[in-house]
Amino acid sequence: MKCYFYGNRFTYGRNDGLVSFAIPDYGIIFRTIWDAGKTECEYLGLLTLLRFLELNAEKFKDEKIEIFSDSSVVVSQLRGLLESTMEVQKYNEAAVHYRQLINYSIHWVPLYENPAFTGLKGFPPNPELGKMNFTLPADFGVSYDA
């Protein structure tokens, strides 16, 4: 099953970051706003996706999970090719922790091939969506320093 995540910060105001994930095979796209930097929003897109997969583990238990993003920074950090900065270390650690719960691989795709950014044009609505858990906590399992 191919899953995609996206995150970006558009201006320098509050709540101007976009966090998104998409699972095209299930007709799922989720978007929310977040007050965070660009790389933080990218990680939050991934963590939101992973939390959703965890909450709905029974639905996806037989799926081979492949995660894609246009974020070369996040993909490279999680593949061990690039060290994470202090700014995103807690998010990186949370994503690594999820690997104990969810067996997933992570890959890079160009932005225009990322449905978490482009949307799910041509995909029919999924009648099963009402049976899935979209209750995502505000912290996504990451503890924040005051």
C-alpha atoms as a PDB file:
ATOM      1  CA  MET A   1       0.000   0.000   0.000  1.00  0.00           C
ATOM      2  CA  LYS A   2       1.435   3.339  -1.038  1.00  0.00           C
ATOM      3  CA  CYS A   3       1.051   6.178   1.443  1.00  0.00           C
ATOM      4  CA  TYR A   4       2.168   9.784   0.990  1.00  0.00           C
ATOM      5  CA  PHE A   5       2.834  12.699   3.317  1.00  0.00           C
ATOM      6  CA  TYR A   6       3.428  16.393   2.807  1.00  0.00           C
ATOM      7  CA  GLY A   7       4.161  19.401   4.959  1.00  0.00           C
ATOM      8  CA  ASN A   8       5.013  23.019   4.299  1.00  0.00           C
ATOM      9  CA  ARG A   9       4.933  26.454   5.858  1.00  0.00           C
ATOM     10  CA  PHE A  10       3.536  29.146   3.614  1.00  0.00           C
ATOM     11  CA  THR A  11       4.067  32.440   5.472  1.00  0.00           C
ATOM     12  CA  TYR A  12       5.387  33.565   8.808  1.00  0.00           C
ATOM     13  CA  GLY A  13       2.080  33.969  10.634  1.00  0.00           C
ATOM     14  CA  ARG A  14       0.470  31.595  13.096  1.00  0.00           C
ATOM     15  CA  ASN A  15      -1.185  28.367  11.959  1.00  0.00           C
ATOM     16  CA  ASP A  16       0.133  28.732   8.445  1.00  0.00           C
ATOM     17  CA  GLY A  17       1.705  25.308   8.036  1.00  0.00           C
ATOM     18  CA  LEU A  18       0.000  22.570   6.041  1.00  0.00           C
ATOM     19  CA  VAL A  19       0.241  18.970   7.229  1.00  0.00           C
ATOM     20  CA  SER A  20      -1.202  16.309   4.931  1.00  0.00           C
ATOM     21  CA  PHE A  21      -1.225  12.609   4.139  1.00  0.00           C
ATOM     22  CA  ALA A  22      -2.879  10.525   1.443  1.00  0.00           C
ATOM     23  CA  ILE A  23      -3.583   6.829   0.956  1.00  0.00           C
ATOM     24  CA  PRO A  24      -4.856   6.652  -2.637  1.00  0.00           C
ATOM     25  CA  ASP A  25      -5.773   2.930  -2.562  1.00  0.00           C
ATOM     26  CA  TYR A  26      -8.312   3.749   0.151  1.00  0.00           C
ATOM     27  CA  GLY A  27      -9.377   7.152  -1.186  1.00  0.00           C
ATOM     28  CA  ILE A  28      -8.033   8.870   1.924  1.00  0.00           C
ATOM     29  CA  ILE A  29      -6.649  12.373   2.108  1.00  0.00           C
ATOM     30  CA  PHE A  30      -6.206  14.231   5.392  1.00  0.00           C
ATOM     31  CA  ARG A  31      -5.160  17.864   5.767  1.00  0.00           C
ATOM     32  CA  THR A  32      -4.813  20.184   8.717  1.00  0.00           C
ATOM     33  CA  ILE A  33      -2.983  23.362   9.624  1.00  0.00           C
ATOM     34  CA  TRP A  34      -0.152  23.556  12.110  1.00  0.00           C
ATOM     35  CA  ASP A  35       1.995  26.299  13.581  1.00  0.00           C
ATOM     36  CA  ALA A  36       5.455  24.934  12.832  1.00  0.00           C
ATOM     37  CA  GLY A  37       8.444  25.373  10.528  1.00  0.00           C
ATOM     38  CA  LYS A  38       8.740  23.749   7.117  1.00  0.00           C
ATOM     39  CA  THR A  39      10.713  20.647   8.149  1.00  0.00           C
ATOM     40  CA  GLU A  40       8.606  20.289  11.305  1.00  0.00           C
ATOM     41  CA  CYS A  41       5.455  20.312   9.137  1.00  0.00           C
ATOM     42  CA  GLU A  42       6.991  17.663   6.887  1.00  0.00           C
ATOM     43  CA  TYR A  43       7.707  15.440   9.890  1.00  0.00           C
ATOM     44  CA  LEU A  44       4.231  16.127  11.290  1.00  0.00           C
ATOM     45  CA  GLY A  45       2.770  14.970   7.971  1.00  0.00           C
ATOM     46  CA  LEU A  46       4.624  11.683   8.421  1.00  0.00           C
ATOM     47  CA  LEU A  47       3.733  11.359  12.112  1.00  0.00           C
ATOM     48  CA  THR A  48       0.073  12.078  11.368  1.00  0.00           C
ATOM     49  CA  LEU A  49       0.104   9.306   8.760  1.00  0.00           C
ATOM     50  CA  LEU A  50       1.856   6.858  11.091  1.00  0.00           C
ATOM     51  CA  ARG A  51      -0.562   7.628  13.925  1.00  0.00           C
ATOM     52  CA  PHE A  52      -3.512   7.072  11.563  1.00  0.00           C
ATOM     53  CA  LEU A  53      -2.045   3.718  10.481  1.00  0.00           C
ATOM     54  CA  GLU A  54      -1.547   2.763  14.131  1.00  0.00           C
ATOM     55  CA  LEU A  55      -5.118   3.717  15.071  1.00  0.00           C
ATOM     56  CA  ASN A  56      -6.451   1.674  12.162  1.00  0.00           C
ATOM     57  CA  ALA A  57      -3.953  -1.194  12.361  1.00  0.00           C
ATOM     58  CA  GLU A  58      -6.615  -3.874  11.985  1.00  0.00           C
ATOM     59  CA  LYS A  59      -7.696  -2.414   8.634  1.00  0.00           C
ATOM     60  CA  PHE A  60      -4.122  -2.338   7.268  1.00  0.00           C
ATOM     61  CA  LYS A  61      -2.645  -5.440   8.951  1.00  0.00           C
ATOM     62  CA  ASP A  62      -2.087  -7.359   5.706  1.00  0.00           C
ATOM     63  CA  GLU A  63      -0.644  -4.418   3.775  1.00  0.00           C
ATOM     64  CA  LYS A  64       3.010  -3.846   2.866  1.00  0.00           C
ATOM     65  CA  ILE A  65       3.405  -0.168   3.728  1.00  0.00           C
ATOM     66  CA  GLU A  66       5.499   2.019   1.462  1.00  0.00           C
ATOM     67  CA  ILE A  67       5.661   5.685   2.436  1.00  0.00           C
ATOM     68  CA  PHE A  68       6.575   8.399  -0.061  1.00  0.00           C
ATOM     69  CA  SER A  69       7.301  12.105   0.254  1.00  0.00           C
ATOM     70  CA  ASP A  70       8.801  14.930  -1.733  1.00  0.00           C
ATOM     71  CA  SER A  71      10.787  15.938   1.378  1.00  0.00           C
ATOM     72  CA  SER A  72      14.352  14.936   0.555  1.00  0.00           C
ATOM     73  CA  VAL A  73      15.409  16.119   4.028  1.00  0.00           C
ATOM     74  CA  VAL A  74      13.003  13.888   5.995  1.00  0.00           C
ATOM     75  CA  VAL A  75      13.502  10.888   3.705  1.00  0.00           C
ATOM     76  CA  SER A  76      17.303  11.254   3.882  1.00  0.00           C
ATOM     77  CA  GLN A  77      17.265  11.643   7.670  1.00  0.00           C
ATOM     78  CA  LEU A  78      15.115   8.553   8.172  1.00  0.00           C
ATOM     79  CA  ARG A  79      17.254   6.539   5.775  1.00  0.00           C
ATOM     80  CA  GLY A  80      20.349   7.518   7.765  1.00  0.00           C
ATOM     81  CA  LEU A  81      21.879   9.556   4.937  1.00  0.00           C
ATOM     82  CA  LEU A  82      21.583  12.907   6.712  1.00  0.00           C
ATOM     83  CA  GLU A  83      21.683  13.810  10.404  1.00  0.00           C
ATOM     84  CA  SER A  84      18.618  15.490  11.826  1.00  0.00           C
ATOM     85  CA  THR A  85      18.942  18.958  13.303  1.00  0.00           C
ATOM     86  CA  MET A  86      18.070  19.752  16.913  1.00  0.00           C
ATOM     87  CA  GLU A  87      14.921  21.489  15.626  1.00  0.00           C
ATOM     88  CA  VAL A  88      13.454  18.209  14.376  1.00  0.00           C
ATOM     89  CA  GLN A  89      15.268  15.616  16.505  1.00  0.00           C
ATOM     90  CA  LYS A  90      12.166  14.790  18.577  1.00  0.00           C
ATOM     91  CA  TYR A  91      10.124  14.243  15.400  1.00  0.00           C
ATOM     92  CA  ASN A  92      12.826  12.048  13.900  1.00  0.00           C
ATOM     93  CA  GLU A  93      12.960   9.969  17.083  1.00  0.00           C
ATOM     94  CA  ALA A  94       9.170   9.592  17.066  1.00  0.00           C
ATOM     95  CA  ALA A  95       9.230   8.389  13.432  1.00  0.00           C
ATOM     96  CA  VAL A  96      11.999   5.913  14.258  1.00  0.00           C
ATOM     97  CA  HIS A  97       9.978   4.712  17.272  1.00  0.00           C
ATOM     98  CA  TYR A  98       6.991   4.031  14.994  1.00  0.00           C
ATOM     99  CA  ARG A  99       9.134   1.538  13.083  1.00  0.00           C
ATOM    100  CA  GLN A 100       8.777  -0.733  16.138  1.00  0.00           C
ATOM    101  CA  LEU A 101       4.996  -0.597  15.683  1.00  0.00           C
ATOM    102  CA  ILE A 102       4.635  -0.355  11.909  1.00  0.00           C
ATOM    103  CA  ASN A 103       6.896  -2.004   9.360  1.00  0.00           C
ATOM    104  CA  TYR A 104       7.306   0.642   6.662  1.00  0.00           C
ATOM    105  CA  SER A 105       9.788   1.715   4.039  1.00  0.00           C
ATOM    106  CA  ILE A 106      10.302   5.347   3.060  1.00  0.00           C
ATOM    107  CA  HIS A 107      11.044   6.766  -0.387  1.00  0.00           C
ATOM    108  CA  TRP A 108      11.342  10.100  -2.177  1.00  0.00           C
ATOM    109  CA  VAL A 109       8.992  11.201  -5.002  1.00  0.00           C
ATOM    110  CA  PRO A 110       8.803  14.475  -6.928  1.00  0.00           C
ATOM    111  CA  LEU A 111       6.281  16.988  -5.567  1.00  0.00           C
ATOM    112  CA  TYR A 112       3.962  16.637  -8.574  1.00  0.00           C
ATOM    113  CA  GLU A 113       3.724  12.863  -7.900  1.00  0.00           C
ATOM    114  CA  ASN A 114       2.713  13.349  -4.249  1.00  0.00           C
ATOM    115  CA  PRO A 115      -1.079  13.111  -3.834  1.00  0.00           C
ATOM    116  CA  ALA A 116      -0.799  14.464  -0.283  1.00  0.00           C
ATOM    117  CA  PHE A 117       0.049  17.724  -2.088  1.00  0.00           C
ATOM    118  CA  THR A 118      -1.807  17.395  -5.402  1.00  0.00           C
ATOM    119  CA  GLY A 119      -4.982  15.731  -4.085  1.00  0.00           C
ATOM    120  CA  LEU A 120      -6.809  12.592  -5.153  1.00  0.00           C
ATOM    121  CA  LYS A 121      -8.348  13.596  -8.454  1.00  0.00           C
ATOM    122  CA  GLY A 122     -10.171  10.733 -10.103  1.00  0.00           C
ATOM    123  CA  PHE A 123     -10.409   8.612  -6.963  1.00  0.00           C
ATOM    124  CA  PRO A 124     -13.949   7.656  -5.937  1.00  0.00           C
ATOM    125  CA  PRO A 125     -15.099   8.236  -2.337  1.00  0.00           C
ATOM    126  CA  ASN A 126     -14.481   5.323  -0.011  1.00  0.00           C
ATOM    127  CA  PRO A 127     -17.628   4.155   1.835  1.00  0.00           C
ATOM    128  CA  GLU A 128     -15.358   2.586   4.493  1.00  0.00           C
ATOM    129  CA  LEU A 129     -14.024   5.977   5.652  1.00  0.00           C
ATOM    130  CA  GLY A 130     -16.742   6.304   8.283  1.00  0.00           C
ATOM    131  CA  LYS A 131     -15.450   3.139   9.933  1.00  0.00           C
ATOM    132  CA  MET A 132     -11.881   4.446  10.281  1.00  0.00           C
ATOM    133  CA  ASN A 133     -10.481   6.272  13.278  1.00  0.00           C
ATOM    134  CA  PHE A 134      -9.382   9.835  12.482  1.00  0.00           C
ATOM    135  CA  THR A 135      -9.002  10.836  16.151  1.00  0.00           C
ATOM    136  CA  LEU A 136      -5.482  12.177  15.994  1.00  0.00           C
ATOM    137  CA  PRO A 137      -4.006  13.689  19.170  1.00  0.00           C
ATOM    138  CA  ALA A 138      -2.580  17.188  19.033  1.00  0.00           C
ATOM    139  CA  ASP A 139       0.941  16.024  19.932  1.00  0.00           C
ATOM    140  CA  PHE A 140       1.152  12.876  17.767  1.00  0.00           C
ATOM    141  CA  GLY A 141       3.051  11.106  20.496  1.00  0.00           C
ATOM    142  CA  VAL A 142       5.810  13.709  20.623  1.00  0.00           C
ATOM    143  CA  SER A 143       6.517  15.442  23.907  1.00  0.00           C
ATOM    144  CA  TYR A 144       7.143  19.173  23.692  1.00  0.00           C
ATOM    145  CA  ASP A 145       9.385  21.304  25.863  1.00  0.00           C
ATOM    146  CA  ALA A 146       7.714  24.364  27.389  1.00  0.00           C
END
